């Protein structure tokens, strides 16, 4: 894990992998489909960056995968919406009133 930041509605996670962008992107596309995400778009650019956009219901997820600079591997960023019922938020708070 490189970094994690989150607010009330969304979170961003930056990770790195020793694998190539191609391998990491393929893994994400397969894993997302297996976990009931609908991959809407996969775009590659000439610099080797791959962007994946997926939805699960109305929840969006953006992934940007870039080749590491100066060495092998991939750094990737995931940005997604935090569900309202995540970690008991909402239901636990409502029950305490």
Protein backbone atom coordinates (compact mmCIF):
# COMPACT_ATOMS: atom_id res chain seq x y z
CA UNK A 1 0.00 0.00 0.00
CA UNK A 2 1.30 3.42 -0.96
CA UNK A 3 -1.45 5.65 0.42
CA UNK A 4 -5.08 5.74 1.54
CA UNK A 5 -7.41 8.70 1.87
CA UNK A 6 -11.13 8.75 2.53
CA UNK A 7 -13.89 11.20 3.16
CA UNK A 8 -17.54 10.69 3.99
CA UNK A 9 -18.53 9.68 0.48
CA UNK A 10 -15.46 8.40 -1.38
CA UNK A 11 -12.07 6.80 -0.84
CA UNK A 12 -8.82 6.61 -2.78
CA UNK A 13 -6.31 3.80 -2.40
CA UNK A 14 -2.90 3.82 -4.11
CA UNK A 15 -1.09 0.48 -4.33
CA UNK A 16 1.90 -0.94 -6.18
CA UNK A 17 2.65 -4.35 -7.63
CA UNK A 18 5.79 -5.94 -9.07
CA UNK A 19 3.64 -7.20 -11.98
CA UNK A 20 3.23 -5.39 -15.30
CA UNK A 21 0.28 -3.10 -16.04
CA UNK A 22 -1.06 -5.71 -18.47
CA UNK A 23 -1.10 -8.45 -15.82
CA UNK A 24 -2.60 -6.21 -13.11
CA UNK A 25 -5.29 -4.87 -15.48
CA UNK A 26 -6.23 -8.39 -16.58
CA UNK A 27 -6.51 -9.47 -12.94
CA UNK A 28 -8.76 -6.51 -12.09
CA UNK A 29 -11.08 -7.07 -15.05
CA UNK A 30 -11.50 -10.75 -14.10
CA UNK A 31 -11.83 -10.09 -10.33
CA UNK A 32 -14.35 -7.29 -10.83
CA UNK A 33 -16.56 -9.49 -13.02
CA UNK A 34 -16.38 -12.34 -10.48
CA UNK A 35 -17.46 -9.92 -7.74
CA UNK A 36 -20.53 -8.64 -9.62
CA UNK A 37 -18.99 -5.43 -10.97
CA UNK A 38 -19.89 -4.44 -14.52
CA UNK A 39 -16.74 -3.26 -16.30
CA UNK A 40 -18.01 -0.47 -18.53
CA UNK A 41 -14.76 0.77 -20.03
CA UNK A 42 -11.09 -0.19 -20.30
CA UNK A 43 -8.85 2.34 -22.04
CA UNK A 44 -5.10 2.12 -22.73
CA UNK A 45 -2.90 5.02 -23.79
CA UNK A 46 0.45 5.11 -25.56
CA UNK A 47 2.33 5.67 -22.27
CA UNK A 48 1.17 2.29 -20.99
CA UNK A 49 -1.47 3.67 -18.62
CA UNK A 50 -4.70 1.67 -18.38
CA UNK A 51 -7.92 3.17 -17.02
CA UNK A 52 -10.79 0.92 -15.98
CA UNK A 53 -14.28 2.13 -15.08
CA UNK A 54 -16.75 -0.26 -13.45
CA UNK A 55 -20.09 -0.09 -11.68
CA UNK A 56 -21.83 -2.26 -9.14
CA UNK A 57 -25.43 -1.16 -9.14
CA UNK A 58 -25.07 2.62 -9.00
CA UNK A 59 -21.64 2.53 -7.27
CA UNK A 60 -18.81 3.69 -9.55
CA UNK A 61 -15.20 2.54 -9.34
CA UNK A 62 -12.28 4.09 -11.22
CA UNK A 63 -8.90 2.37 -11.56
CA UNK A 64 -5.82 3.94 -13.10
CA UNK A 65 -2.80 1.68 -13.61
CA UNK A 66 0.58 3.16 -14.58
CA UNK A 67 3.96 1.56 -15.24
CA UNK A 68 6.44 2.37 -12.47
CA UNK A 69 9.04 4.96 -13.38
CA UNK A 70 12.63 3.72 -13.34
CA UNK A 71 11.83 0.09 -12.65
CA UNK A 72 9.48 -2.81 -13.20
CA UNK A 73 5.97 -3.02 -11.82
CA UNK A 74 2.77 -1.03 -11.62
CA UNK A 75 1.36 1.68 -9.41
CA UNK A 76 -2.41 1.83 -9.41
CA UNK A 77 -5.06 4.09 -7.96
CA UNK A 78 -8.57 2.99 -7.03
CA UNK A 79 -11.26 5.59 -6.37
CA UNK A 80 -14.72 4.55 -5.28
CA UNK A 81 -17.83 5.60 -3.45
CA UNK A 82 -18.17 4.44 0.14
CA UNK A 83 -21.53 2.67 0.59
CA UNK A 84 -23.79 4.36 3.15
CA UNK A 85 -24.04 1.13 5.18
CA UNK A 86 -20.27 0.46 5.12
CA UNK A 87 -18.84 -0.55 8.52
CA UNK A 88 -22.19 0.03 10.20
CA UNK A 89 -22.30 3.69 9.25
CA UNK A 90 -25.88 4.84 9.07
CA UNK A 91 -27.58 1.83 10.64
CA UNK A 92 -25.62 1.98 13.91
CA UNK A 93 -25.86 5.74 14.09
CA UNK A 94 -29.61 5.67 13.53
CA UNK A 95 -30.10 3.05 16.22
CA UNK A 96 -28.34 5.17 18.84
CA UNK A 97 -30.80 8.10 18.66
